Amino acid sequence: MKKNTYNLLIEPSGYNYIDLLDYALGECTLLLLVKYDEQKQLSQRGKGVLDELAPYLYKMEMKSEWPGTVLFGGEVPICTYNFVPESAAILKKSASRLYQWQRPDLPDDLCLLRSDESPWLVTIAHEDDSYLVLDEDEYLRLLKALPAYAPMVEIANE
């Protein structure tokens, strides 16, 4: 089934952020964070979050692109973790809103991925931008489970 991009018009925060993460546990199996390099240092808090997530590490790759972003030169460490209730709990206690996922306080650009590693939620936090990539059935399930999201999402112009 064809997937559409649904822009998040309002940053998920508070209960909407927590509810989205809880709902996504049924849709996604992986989470992605951008670690960057030593020149773009993370705070102690950000390093602590990565340490907490370490048991859930699925893979770390040096890449020049990830969902929503393409670098023009160079590569950075992209950390992919298993998205399970325990790692979701770390995400929930580490941030109260989606766009908090940026340096120096936290790793960048929280993304949630399906088991085939295709994006479900994409965040470009420093641009206050995020979107969902859903087919029509996934979109309808999301709105049924999280009716508060109905005014928060809008299909992107194709």
C-alpha atoms as a PDB file:
ATOM      1  CA  MET A   1       0.000   0.000   0.000  1.00  0.00           C
ATOM      2  CA  LYS A   2       1.221   3.502  -0.861  1.00  0.00           C
ATOM      3  CA  LYS A   3       2.710   5.490   2.019  1.00  0.00           C
ATOM      4  CA  ASN A   4       2.025   9.192   2.472  1.00  0.00           C
ATOM      5  CA  THR A   5       3.894  11.822   4.428  1.00  0.00           C
ATOM      6  CA  TYR A   6       1.894  13.457   7.205  1.00  0.00           C
ATOM      7  CA  ASN A   7       3.445  16.611   8.626  1.00  0.00           C
ATOM      8  CA  LEU A   8       3.128  17.157  12.341  1.00  0.00           C
ATOM      9  CA  LEU A   9       1.754  20.695  12.576  1.00  0.00           C
ATOM     10  CA  ILE A  10       2.216  20.907  16.348  1.00  0.00           C
ATOM     11  CA  GLU A  11       5.210  19.573  18.241  1.00  0.00           C
ATOM     12  CA  PRO A  12       4.172  16.556  20.320  1.00  0.00           C
ATOM     13  CA  SER A  13       4.808  17.454  23.944  1.00  0.00           C
ATOM     14  CA  GLY A  14       3.683  16.278  27.363  1.00  0.00           C
ATOM     15  CA  TYR A  15       1.026  13.584  27.147  1.00  0.00           C
ATOM     16  CA  ASN A  16       0.927  13.786  23.335  1.00  0.00           C
ATOM     17  CA  TYR A  17       4.664  12.941  23.214  1.00  0.00           C
ATOM     18  CA  ILE A  18       4.279  10.061  25.685  1.00  0.00           C
ATOM     19  CA  ASP A  19       1.144   8.740  23.971  1.00  0.00           C
ATOM     20  CA  LEU A  20       2.878   8.781  20.585  1.00  0.00           C
ATOM     21  CA  LEU A  21       5.820   6.770  21.924  1.00  0.00           C
ATOM     22  CA  ASP A  22       3.498   4.290  23.634  1.00  0.00           C
ATOM     23  CA  TYR A  23       1.412   3.887  20.476  1.00  0.00           C
ATOM     24  CA  ALA A  24       4.519   3.505  18.318  1.00  0.00           C
ATOM     25  CA  LEU A  25       5.605   0.453  20.305  1.00  0.00           C
ATOM     26  CA  GLY A  26       2.945  -1.455  18.356  1.00  0.00           C
ATOM     27  CA  GLU A  27       4.106  -0.077  14.995  1.00  0.00           C
ATOM     28  CA  CYS A  28       7.891   0.226  15.269  1.00  0.00           C
ATOM     29  CA  THR A  29      10.750  -2.010  16.340  1.00  0.00           C
ATOM     30  CA  LEU A  30      13.698   0.376  16.044  1.00  0.00           C
ATOM     31  CA  LEU A  31      14.644   3.880  17.102  1.00  0.00           C
ATOM     32  CA  LEU A  32      17.374   5.981  15.575  1.00  0.00           C
ATOM     33  CA  LEU A  33      19.465   8.779  17.097  1.00  0.00           C
ATOM     34  CA  VAL A  34      22.321  10.798  15.628  1.00  0.00           C
ATOM     35  CA  LYS A  35      25.388  10.859  17.854  1.00  0.00           C
ATOM     36  CA  TYR A  36      27.615  13.242  15.843  1.00  0.00           C
ATOM     37  CA  ASP A  37      31.315  13.479  16.573  1.00  0.00           C
ATOM     38  CA  GLU A  38      33.633  14.873  19.216  1.00  0.00           C
ATOM     39  CA  GLN A  39      33.587  18.408  17.736  1.00  0.00           C
ATOM     40  CA  LYS A  40      29.833  18.594  18.305  1.00  0.00           C
ATOM     41  CA  GLN A  41      29.998  17.361  21.864  1.00  0.00           C
ATOM     42  CA  LEU A  42      27.029  16.060  23.778  1.00  0.00           C
ATOM     43  CA  SER A  43      26.406  17.240  27.311  1.00  0.00           C
ATOM     44  CA  GLN A  44      26.846  14.849  30.226  1.00  0.00           C
ATOM     45  CA  ARG A  45      23.076  14.419  30.173  1.00  0.00           C
ATOM     46  CA  GLY A  46      23.147  13.396  26.504  1.00  0.00           C
ATOM     47  CA  LYS A  47      25.992  10.964  27.107  1.00  0.00           C
ATOM     48  CA  GLY A  48      24.028   9.511  30.009  1.00  0.00           C
ATOM     49  CA  VAL A  49      21.043   8.870  27.749  1.00  0.00           C
ATOM     50  CA  LEU A  50      23.276   7.033  25.259  1.00  0.00           C
ATOM     51  CA  ASP A  51      24.732   4.997  28.137  1.00  0.00           C
ATOM     52  CA  GLU A  52      21.219   4.058  29.282  1.00  0.00           C
ATOM     53  CA  LEU A  53      20.267   3.051  25.739  1.00  0.00           C
ATOM     54  CA  ALA A  54      23.481   1.017  25.211  1.00  0.00           C
ATOM     55  CA  PRO A  55      21.928  -2.359  26.146  1.00  0.00           C
ATOM     56  CA  TYR A  56      19.406  -1.862  23.323  1.00  0.00           C
ATOM     57  CA  LEU A  57      21.944  -0.996  20.598  1.00  0.00           C
ATOM     58  CA  TYR A  58      21.104  -2.775  17.347  1.00  0.00           C
ATOM     59  CA  LYS A  59      23.839  -1.208  15.217  1.00  0.00           C
ATOM     60  CA  MET A  60      25.965   1.890  14.830  1.00  0.00           C
ATOM     61  CA  GLU A  61      26.999   3.042  11.362  1.00  0.00           C
ATOM     62  CA  MET A  62      28.894   5.993   9.971  1.00  0.00           C
ATOM     63  CA  LYS A  63      26.515   7.603   7.482  1.00  0.00           C
ATOM     64  CA  SER A  64      25.988  10.849   5.598  1.00  0.00           C
ATOM     65  CA  GLU A  65      22.196  10.531   5.532  1.00  0.00           C
ATOM     66  CA  TRP A  66      19.325   9.316   7.648  1.00  0.00           C
ATOM     67  CA  PRO A  67      15.563   9.895   7.483  1.00  0.00           C
ATOM     68  CA  GLY A  68      14.934  13.584   6.867  1.00  0.00           C
ATOM     69  CA  THR A  69      18.591  14.609   6.531  1.00  0.00           C
ATOM     70  CA  VAL A  70      21.418  14.489   3.992  1.00  0.00           C
ATOM     71  CA  LEU A  71      24.830  15.880   4.949  1.00  0.00           C
ATOM     72  CA  PHE A  72      26.921  17.693   2.382  1.00  0.00           C
ATOM     73  CA  GLY A  73      30.254  16.127   3.223  1.00  0.00           C
ATOM     74  CA  GLY A  74      31.332  13.836   6.004  1.00  0.00           C
ATOM     75  CA  GLU A  75      29.687  11.090   7.947  1.00  0.00           C
ATOM     76  CA  VAL A  76      28.442  10.852  11.514  1.00  0.00           C
ATOM     77  CA  PRO A  77      27.622   7.964  13.857  1.00  0.00           C
ATOM     78  CA  ILE A  78      24.002   6.884  13.487  1.00  0.00           C
ATOM     79  CA  CYS A  79      22.862   4.714  16.390  1.00  0.00           C
ATOM     80  CA  THR A  80      19.934   2.363  15.875  1.00  0.00           C
ATOM     81  CA  TYR A  81      18.414   0.781  18.961  1.00  0.00           C
ATOM     82  CA  ASN A  82      15.739  -1.816  19.587  1.00  0.00           C
ATOM     83  CA  PHE A  83      12.516   0.042  20.357  1.00  0.00           C
ATOM     84  CA  VAL A  84      11.019  -1.867  23.249  1.00  0.00           C
ATOM     85  CA  PRO A  85       9.138  -0.725  26.366  1.00  0.00           C
ATOM     86  CA  GLU A  86      12.405  -0.298  28.268  1.00  0.00           C
ATOM     87  CA  SER A  87      14.037   1.927  25.632  1.00  0.00           C
ATOM     88  CA  ALA A  88      10.766   3.834  25.190  1.00  0.00           C
ATOM     89  CA  ALA A  89      10.804   4.522  28.946  1.00  0.00           C
ATOM     90  CA  ILE A  90      14.268   6.086  28.550  1.00  0.00           C
ATOM     91  CA  LEU A  91      12.965   8.322  25.739  1.00  0.00           C
ATOM     92  CA  LYS A  92       9.980   9.360  27.869  1.00  0.00           C
ATOM     93  CA  LYS A  93      12.026  10.273  30.936  1.00  0.00           C
ATOM     94  CA  SER A  94      14.766  12.002  28.915  1.00  0.00           C
ATOM     95  CA  ALA A  95      12.544  14.486  27.074  1.00  0.00           C
ATOM     96  CA  SER A  96       9.101  15.989  27.482  1.00  0.00           C
ATOM     97  CA  ARG A  97       8.730  16.976  23.844  1.00  0.00           C
ATOM     98  CA  LEU A  98       9.865  15.740  20.448  1.00  0.00           C
ATOM     99  CA  TYR A  99      12.121  18.634  19.442  1.00  0.00           C
ATOM    100  CA  GLN A 100      14.221  18.328  22.593  1.00  0.00           C
ATOM    101  CA  TRP A 101      16.160  15.643  20.729  1.00  0.00           C
ATOM    102  CA  GLN A 102      19.057  17.886  19.696  1.00  0.00           C
ATOM    103  CA  ARG A 103      22.574  18.722  20.804  1.00  0.00           C
ATOM    104  CA  PRO A 104      24.054  19.544  23.173  1.00  0.00           C
ATOM    105  CA  ASP A 105      21.510  18.243  25.692  1.00  0.00           C
ATOM    106  CA  LEU A 106      20.434  15.098  23.840  1.00  0.00           C
ATOM    107  CA  PRO A 107      21.401  13.146  20.726  1.00  0.00           C
ATOM    108  CA  ASP A 108      19.817  14.500  17.535  1.00  0.00           C
ATOM    109  CA  ASP A 109      16.791  13.650  15.461  1.00  0.00           C
ATOM    110  CA  LEU A 110      14.817  10.887  17.132  1.00  0.00           C
ATOM    111  CA  CYS A 111      13.310   8.690  14.418  1.00  0.00           C
ATOM    112  CA  LEU A 112      11.169   5.591  14.839  1.00  0.00           C
ATOM    113  CA  LEU A 113      11.495   2.799  12.281  1.00  0.00           C
ATOM    114  CA  ARG A 114       9.550  -0.268  11.263  1.00  0.00           C
ATOM    115  CA  SER A 115      11.172  -3.709  11.341  1.00  0.00           C
ATOM    116  CA  ASP A 116      12.249  -3.264   7.687  1.00  0.00           C
ATOM    117  CA  GLU A 117      14.037  -0.045   8.819  1.00  0.00           C
ATOM    118  CA  SER A 118      11.656   2.183   6.862  1.00  0.00           C
ATOM    119  CA  PRO A 119      10.756   5.399   8.697  1.00  0.00           C
ATOM    120  CA  TRP A 120       7.510   5.743  10.633  1.00  0.00           C
ATOM    121  CA  LEU A 121       8.356   8.955  12.533  1.00  0.00           C
ATOM    122  CA  VAL A 122      11.011  11.362  11.259  1.00  0.00           C
ATOM    123  CA  THR A 123      12.324  14.290  13.287  1.00  0.00           C
ATOM    124  CA  ILE A 124      14.596  17.153  12.228  1.00  0.00           C
ATOM    125  CA  ALA A 125      14.650  18.719  15.674  1.00  0.00           C
ATOM    126  CA  HIS A 126      16.832  21.788  15.007  1.00  0.00           C
ATOM    127  CA  GLU A 127      14.342  22.821  12.311  1.00  0.00           C
ATOM    128  CA  ASP A 128      11.301  22.137  14.540  1.00  0.00           C
ATOM    129  CA  ASP A 129      10.129  19.694  11.890  1.00  0.00           C
ATOM    130  CA  SER A 130       8.711  16.190  12.032  1.00  0.00           C
ATOM    131  CA  TYR A 131       6.485  13.941  10.009  1.00  0.00           C
ATOM    132  CA  LEU A 132       4.966  10.478   9.893  1.00  0.00           C
ATOM    133  CA  VAL A 133       5.247   8.132   6.903  1.00  0.00           C
ATOM    134  CA  LEU A 134       2.070   6.054   6.911  1.00  0.00           C
ATOM    135  CA  ASP A 135      -0.190   4.171   4.583  1.00  0.00           C
ATOM    136  CA  GLU A 136      -3.904   4.932   4.820  1.00  0.00           C
ATOM    137  CA  ASP A 137      -4.623   2.038   7.218  1.00  0.00           C
ATOM    138  CA  GLU A 138      -1.787   3.099   9.525  1.00  0.00           C
ATOM    139  CA  TYR A 139      -3.058   6.674   9.470  1.00  0.00           C
ATOM    140  CA  LEU A 140      -6.607   5.622  10.363  1.00  0.00           C
ATOM    141  CA  ARG A 141      -5.339   3.351  13.184  1.00  0.00           C
ATOM    142  CA  LEU A 142      -3.260   6.225  14.575  1.00  0.00           C
ATOM    143  CA  LEU A 143      -6.226   8.608  14.627  1.00  0.00           C
ATOM    144  CA  LYS A 144      -8.481   5.986  16.188  1.00  0.00           C
ATOM    145  CA  ALA A 145      -5.951   5.273  18.954  1.00  0.00           C
ATOM    146  CA  LEU A 146      -4.842   8.902  19.401  1.00  0.00           C
ATOM    147  CA  PRO A 147      -7.746  11.193  18.454  1.00  0.00           C
ATOM    148  CA  ALA A 148      -5.828  14.200  19.801  1.00  0.00           C
ATOM    149  CA  TYR A 149      -3.563  13.854  16.755  1.00  0.00           C
ATOM    150  CA  ALA A 150      -6.362  14.577  14.243  1.00  0.00           C
ATOM    151  CA  PRO A 151      -5.745  18.367  14.273  1.00  0.00           C
ATOM    152  CA  MET A 152      -1.987  17.850  14.644  1.00  0.00           C
ATOM    153  CA  VAL A 153      -1.292  16.038  11.359  1.00  0.00           C
ATOM    154  CA  GLU A 154      -1.776  17.083   7.761  1.00  0.00           C
ATOM    155  CA  ILE A 155      -0.943  15.206   4.591  1.00  0.00           C
ATOM    156  CA  ALA A 156       2.014  16.780   2.824  1.00  0.00           C
ATOM    157  CA  ASN A 157       1.574  18.230  -0.635  1.00  0.00           C
ATOM    158  CA  GLU A 158       2.735  15.679  -3.163  1.00  0.00           C
END
